[in-house]
Amino acid sequence: MNPLGAALRAWRDRLDPATAGLPHGSARRVPGLRRSELASLADISVEYVVRLEQGRVAAPSPQVCASLARALRLTGEEHAHLLRLAGHAADPRRVPRHVPDSLLRIMDELAANPLSVYDATWGLLHWNPLFAATFGDPARLGPADRNALVWQFLDAMPAPVRQTADERTAFEESLVADLRATTSRFPADPGVAALVARLERSPRFRELWGRPSVGGHESAHKVVGHPDVGDIALNSDTLTTQGGNLHLVVYTARPGTDARGKLDLLAAVGVQAVSARG
């Protein structure tokens, strides 16, 4: 077993299944999580967990490391250690993708609202159950497609979202201006250049990218066309952390609408209903 596999096994053995939210079942021959339980919590296959622990697979991506860290309830230092073991040493030239424990605690306190965390390129890193129940479960998408810019400009939205023409214009302009600021902060990150090249397949993105605007995305208005509860009118506000490198987006019910009741209903029903539709 290599150092990465040994660390994963130790963390898996350490975690109490009840702490991970798993029901008490049959008697366990070993402490901690089973491999199948870790796989389910991290949204990866059991076979992949086995290969990781046995050192028979290439280093996991930062996104997989983040999923494992959440599933194993790692601290910020442990997550950083996991990234180093996987060959992803911290590099100031690269876009940070570690979601700190402090931000996860804030999300726990705001759990009555859909919440999502994005990196500086608007790649989705973390979301809460109500976000999945409202917009559709991002786990169904590949990591490269979990990106707000890809959703907006390449018609890959996980859920039907409507905006007025003015709202859409303001939203797109601010997203692109935000991405341009990211390119100057992380000019050596190949992922940034690859994302821009991918987005340039969109005529609308090319038009906006040709402008010199630089800025930050702060807020938006949108209506989610939910298949079970109907239209949900939402405001979104973006809170930036770590020098603007992480974005916590908080979705709240638009005043004067029935969106709050619909969010409460989705919170009660949960992702299970979303999964059942799929």
Protein backbone atom coordinates (compact mmCIF):
# COMPACT_ATOMS: atom_id res chain seq x y z
CA MET A 1 0.00 0.00 0.00
CA ASN A 2 1.45 3.38 -0.99
CA PRO A 3 1.32 6.47 1.30
CA LEU A 4 -1.86 7.75 -0.36
CA GLY A 5 -3.60 4.39 0.02
CA ALA A 6 -2.42 4.04 3.62
CA ALA A 7 -3.76 7.49 4.50
CA LEU A 8 -7.13 6.81 2.88
CA ARG A 9 -7.45 3.51 4.72
CA ALA A 10 -6.53 5.12 8.05
CA TRP A 11 -9.03 7.93 7.57
CA ARG A 12 -11.70 5.45 6.53
CA ASP A 13 -11.08 3.30 9.61
CA ARG A 14 -11.17 6.37 11.85
CA LEU A 15 -14.57 7.72 10.80
CA ASP A 16 -17.60 6.63 12.79
CA PRO A 17 -20.36 5.66 10.32
CA ALA A 18 -22.93 7.51 12.43
CA THR A 19 -20.86 10.70 12.15
CA ALA A 20 -20.95 10.27 8.39
CA GLY A 21 -24.75 10.10 8.52
CA LEU A 22 -25.00 6.38 7.83
CA PRO A 23 -27.68 4.31 9.59
CA HIS A 24 -26.69 1.66 12.10
CA GLY A 25 -26.79 -1.71 10.37
CA SER A 26 -25.37 -5.11 10.95
CA ALA A 27 -22.40 -5.77 13.22
CA ARG A 28 -19.12 -4.60 11.72
CA ARG A 29 -15.99 -6.69 11.66
CA VAL A 30 -13.83 -3.60 11.29
CA PRO A 31 -14.17 -0.04 12.58
CA GLY A 32 -14.98 2.91 10.40
CA LEU A 33 -16.44 3.04 6.94
CA ARG A 34 -16.64 0.18 4.50
CA ARG A 35 -15.14 0.83 1.09
CA SER A 36 -18.62 0.76 -0.44
CA GLU A 37 -19.79 3.42 2.01
CA LEU A 38 -16.86 5.71 1.25
CA ALA A 39 -17.51 5.22 -2.47
CA SER A 40 -21.16 6.17 -2.05
CA LEU A 41 -20.40 9.24 0.07
CA ALA A 42 -17.70 10.44 -2.35
CA ASP A 43 -19.74 9.60 -5.47
CA ILE A 44 -17.07 7.34 -6.94
CA SER A 45 -17.04 3.60 -7.65
CA VAL A 46 -16.04 0.95 -5.12
CA GLU A 47 -13.53 -0.39 -7.64
CA TYR A 48 -11.86 3.03 -7.79
CA VAL A 49 -11.59 3.16 -3.99
CA VAL A 50 -9.96 -0.28 -4.02
CA ARG A 51 -7.45 0.73 -6.68
CA LEU A 52 -6.64 3.96 -4.82
CA GLU A 53 -5.97 2.14 -1.57
CA GLN A 54 -3.86 -0.48 -3.33
CA GLY A 55 -1.86 2.11 -5.29
CA ARG A 56 -3.00 0.71 -8.63
CA VAL A 57 -4.35 3.93 -10.14
CA ALA A 58 -2.96 7.27 -11.25
CA ALA A 59 -3.24 10.12 -8.76
CA PRO A 60 -6.85 11.25 -8.25
CA SER A 61 -7.84 14.67 -9.56
CA PRO A 62 -8.24 17.64 -7.17
CA GLN A 63 -12.02 17.28 -7.60
CA VAL A 64 -11.92 13.63 -6.51
CA CYS A 65 -9.66 14.59 -3.60
CA ALA A 66 -12.23 17.20 -2.56
CA SER A 67 -15.01 14.59 -2.68
CA LEU A 68 -12.93 12.17 -0.60
CA ALA A 69 -12.08 14.91 1.90
CA ARG A 70 -15.76 15.76 2.36
CA ALA A 71 -16.76 12.12 2.69
CA LEU A 72 -14.00 11.40 5.22
CA ARG A 73 -14.65 14.62 7.17
CA LEU A 74 -11.04 15.69 6.82
CA THR A 75 -9.77 18.88 8.38
CA GLY A 76 -8.28 21.60 6.23
CA GLU A 77 -4.74 20.41 7.04
CA GLU A 78 -5.68 16.80 6.26
CA HIS A 79 -7.23 17.83 2.95
CA ALA A 80 -4.05 19.69 2.07
CA HIS A 81 -2.05 16.58 3.01
CA LEU A 82 -4.29 14.45 0.77
CA LEU A 83 -3.67 16.82 -2.13
CA ARG A 84 0.09 16.63 -1.59
CA LEU A 85 -0.01 12.82 -1.46
CA ALA A 86 -1.94 12.86 -4.73
CA GLY A 87 0.70 15.06 -6.36
CA HIS A 88 -1.26 18.30 -6.20
CA ALA A 89 1.07 20.40 -4.10
CA ALA A 90 -0.11 23.92 -3.48
CA ASP A 91 1.02 26.16 -6.31
CA PRO A 92 0.34 29.92 -6.23
CA ARG A 93 0.16 29.83 -10.03
CA ARG A 94 -2.82 27.47 -9.96
CA VAL A 95 -6.45 28.23 -9.15
CA PRO A 96 -7.13 27.14 -5.52
CA ARG A 97 -9.87 24.51 -5.21
CA HIS A 98 -9.76 23.63 -1.54
CA VAL A 99 -12.98 24.46 0.34
CA PRO A 100 -11.96 25.26 3.94
CA ASP A 101 -13.81 23.96 6.98
CA SER A 102 -14.80 27.50 7.94
CA LEU A 103 -16.77 27.88 4.71
CA LEU A 104 -18.45 24.50 5.20
CA ARG A 105 -19.53 25.61 8.68
CA ILE A 106 -21.07 28.76 7.23
CA MET A 107 -22.94 26.61 4.72
CA ASP A 108 -24.32 24.48 7.54
CA GLU A 109 -25.73 27.60 9.17
CA LEU A 110 -27.34 28.75 5.91
CA ALA A 111 -28.71 25.33 4.95
CA ALA A 112 -32.29 26.61 4.55
CA ASN A 113 -31.16 28.12 1.23
CA PRO A 114 -29.63 26.57 -1.90
CA LEU A 115 -25.87 27.07 -1.65
CA SER A 116 -22.93 26.43 -3.95
CA VAL A 117 -19.18 27.07 -3.88
CA TYR A 118 -17.21 27.84 -7.04
CA ASP A 119 -13.53 28.36 -7.73
CA ALA A 120 -12.12 31.41 -9.50
CA THR A 121 -13.05 29.96 -12.91
CA TRP A 122 -16.63 29.32 -11.74
CA GLY A 123 -16.04 25.59 -11.51
CA LEU A 124 -18.49 24.09 -9.03
CA LEU A 125 -16.65 22.60 -6.03
CA HIS A 126 -19.33 21.98 -3.43
CA TRP A 127 -23.10 22.28 -3.03
CA ASN A 128 -25.70 21.53 -0.40
CA PRO A 129 -28.67 19.15 -0.73
CA LEU A 130 -31.15 21.97 -1.34
CA PHE A 131 -29.09 23.23 -4.29
CA ALA A 132 -29.27 19.74 -5.82
CA ALA A 133 -32.99 19.51 -5.15
CA THR A 134 -33.60 22.93 -6.73
CA PHE A 135 -31.29 22.90 -9.76
CA GLY A 136 -30.71 19.19 -10.28
CA ASP A 137 -27.92 17.07 -8.81
CA PRO A 138 -24.53 18.21 -10.21
CA ALA A 139 -23.11 14.78 -9.38
CA ARG A 140 -24.74 13.59 -12.60
CA LEU A 141 -22.36 15.81 -14.57
CA GLY A 142 -18.71 15.19 -15.25
CA PRO A 143 -16.31 17.48 -13.35
CA ALA A 144 -15.47 19.49 -16.49
CA ASP A 145 -19.17 20.27 -17.01
CA ARG A 146 -19.74 21.53 -13.47
CA ASN A 147 -19.04 25.13 -14.39
CA ALA A 148 -21.37 28.14 -14.40
CA LEU A 149 -19.78 29.60 -17.54
CA VAL A 150 -20.16 26.31 -19.41
CA TRP A 151 -23.80 26.15 -18.31
CA GLN A 152 -24.49 29.69 -19.43
CA PHE A 153 -22.67 29.87 -22.75
CA LEU A 154 -22.74 26.29 -23.98
CA ASP A 155 -26.41 25.64 -23.19
CA ALA A 156 -25.59 23.02 -20.59
CA MET A 157 -27.73 24.25 -17.71
CA PRO A 158 -28.58 21.40 -15.30
CA ALA A 159 -32.07 22.89 -14.81
CA PRO A 160 -34.27 25.22 -16.89
CA VAL A 161 -33.48 28.78 -15.78
CA ARG A 162 -35.17 31.91 -17.13
CA GLN A 163 -34.00 35.51 -17.01
CA THR A 164 -35.21 38.68 -18.62
CA ALA A 165 -33.09 39.97 -21.47
CA ASP A 166 -31.58 42.65 -19.20
CA GLU A 167 -30.93 40.16 -16.40
CA ARG A 168 -29.24 37.73 -18.77
CA THR A 169 -27.07 40.47 -20.27
CA ALA A 170 -25.94 41.72 -16.86
CA PHE A 171 -25.29 38.16 -15.66
CA GLU A 172 -23.20 37.19 -18.66
CA GLU A 173 -21.23 40.42 -18.71
CA SER A 174 -20.32 40.11 -15.03
CA LEU A 175 -19.33 36.44 -15.34
CA VAL A 176 -17.02 37.15 -18.26
CA ALA A 177 -15.49 40.20 -16.57
CA ASP A 178 -14.87 38.03 -13.50
CA LEU A 179 -13.18 35.35 -15.60
CA ARG A 180 -10.94 37.95 -17.21
CA ALA A 181 -9.77 39.04 -13.76
CA THR A 182 -8.98 35.39 -13.01
CA THR A 183 -6.78 35.09 -16.12
CA SER A 184 -4.51 37.84 -14.81
CA ARG A 185 -4.30 36.31 -11.32
CA PHE A 186 -3.48 32.82 -12.65
CA PRO A 187 -1.89 33.30 -16.08
CA ALA A 188 0.09 30.03 -15.82
CA ASP A 189 -2.83 27.76 -14.91
CA PRO A 190 -3.49 25.58 -17.99
CA GLY A 191 -7.04 24.93 -16.83
CA VAL A 192 -7.90 28.61 -17.23
CA ALA A 193 -6.67 28.72 -20.82
CA ALA A 194 -8.45 25.45 -21.61
CA LEU A 195 -11.72 26.81 -20.24
CA VAL A 196 -11.47 30.00 -22.30
CA ALA A 197 -10.71 27.96 -25.44
CA ARG A 198 -13.75 25.78 -24.77
CA LEU A 199 -16.03 28.76 -24.16
CA GLU A 200 -14.90 30.45 -27.37
CA ARG A 201 -17.08 27.97 -29.23
CA SER A 202 -19.92 30.26 -28.12
CA PRO A 203 -20.43 33.36 -30.32
CA ARG A 204 -21.92 35.21 -27.36
CA PHE A 205 -18.88 34.46 -25.20
CA ARG A 206 -16.51 35.53 -27.98
CA GLU A 207 -18.40 38.82 -28.26
CA LEU A 208 -18.09 39.54 -24.54
CA TRP A 209 -14.52 38.24 -24.34
CA GLY A 210 -13.53 40.76 -26.98
CA ARG A 211 -14.37 43.59 -24.61
CA PRO A 212 -11.83 44.90 -22.08
CA SER A 213 -14.18 44.66 -19.07
CA VAL A 214 -12.68 43.40 -15.81
CA GLY A 215 -14.72 43.00 -12.66
CA GLY A 216 -16.46 40.63 -10.30
CA HIS A 217 -19.79 38.85 -10.34
CA GLU A 218 -21.88 39.81 -7.29
CA SER A 219 -25.58 39.11 -7.79
CA ALA A 220 -28.26 37.93 -10.20
CA HIS A 221 -31.98 37.22 -10.54
CA LYS A 222 -33.37 34.06 -12.11
CA VAL A 223 -36.42 31.84 -12.24
CA VAL A 224 -35.87 28.08 -11.99
CA GLY A 225 -38.44 25.99 -13.83
CA HIS A 226 -38.69 23.06 -11.42
CA PRO A 227 -40.48 19.96 -12.74
CA ASP A 228 -42.18 19.20 -9.40
CA VAL A 229 -43.00 22.54 -7.75
CA GLY A 230 -43.10 24.90 -10.74
CA ASP A 231 -41.33 28.22 -11.10
CA ILE A 232 -39.05 29.33 -8.26
CA ALA A 233 -38.07 33.02 -8.36
CA LEU A 234 -34.64 33.45 -6.79
CA ASN A 235 -32.08 36.11 -6.04
CA SER A 236 -28.45 35.04 -5.87
CA ASP A 237 -25.69 36.84 -4.02
CA THR A 238 -22.01 35.99 -4.27
CA LEU A 239 -19.70 36.14 -1.27
CA THR A 240 -16.01 35.95 -2.14
CA THR A 241 -13.33 34.45 0.09
CA GLN A 242 -9.58 33.85 0.09
CA GLY A 243 -8.72 36.96 -1.89
CA GLY A 244 -11.55 36.41 -4.36
CA ASN A 245 -10.52 32.87 -5.28
CA LEU A 246 -13.63 31.11 -3.95
CA HIS A 247 -17.24 32.16 -4.48
CA LEU A 248 -20.05 31.17 -2.11
CA VAL A 249 -23.36 31.74 -3.91
CA VAL A 250 -26.43 32.04 -1.69
CA TYR A 251 -29.84 31.71 -3.35
CA THR A 252 -32.78 33.33 -1.57
CA ALA A 253 -36.48 33.54 -2.34
CA ARG A 254 -37.43 36.66 -4.25
CA PRO A 255 -39.68 38.84 -2.06
CA GLY A 256 -43.33 38.90 -3.02
CA THR A 257 -43.26 35.40 -4.54
CA ASP A 258 -44.11 31.92 -3.30
CA ALA A 259 -40.50 30.78 -3.69
CA ARG A 260 -39.87 30.40 0.06
CA GLY A 261 -42.63 27.84 0.43
CA LYS A 262 -41.37 25.92 -2.59
CA LEU A 263 -37.83 25.85 -1.22
CA ASP A 264 -39.17 24.58 2.11
CA LEU A 265 -41.06 21.85 0.27
CA LEU A 266 -37.95 20.83 -1.66
CA ALA A 267 -35.95 20.81 1.58
CA ALA A 268 -38.50 18.41 3.07
CA VAL A 269 -38.66 16.17 0.01
CA GLY A 270 -34.93 16.34 -0.64
CA VAL A 271 -32.72 14.96 -3.33
CA GLN A 272 -34.47 11.59 -3.22
CA ALA A 273 -37.32 12.99 -5.28
CA VAL A 274 -34.84 14.50 -7.71
CA SER A 275 -33.08 11.15 -8.04
CA ALA A 276 -36.38 9.34 -8.52
CA ARG A 277 -37.17 11.50 -11.56
CA GLY A 278 -33.91 10.43 -13.17
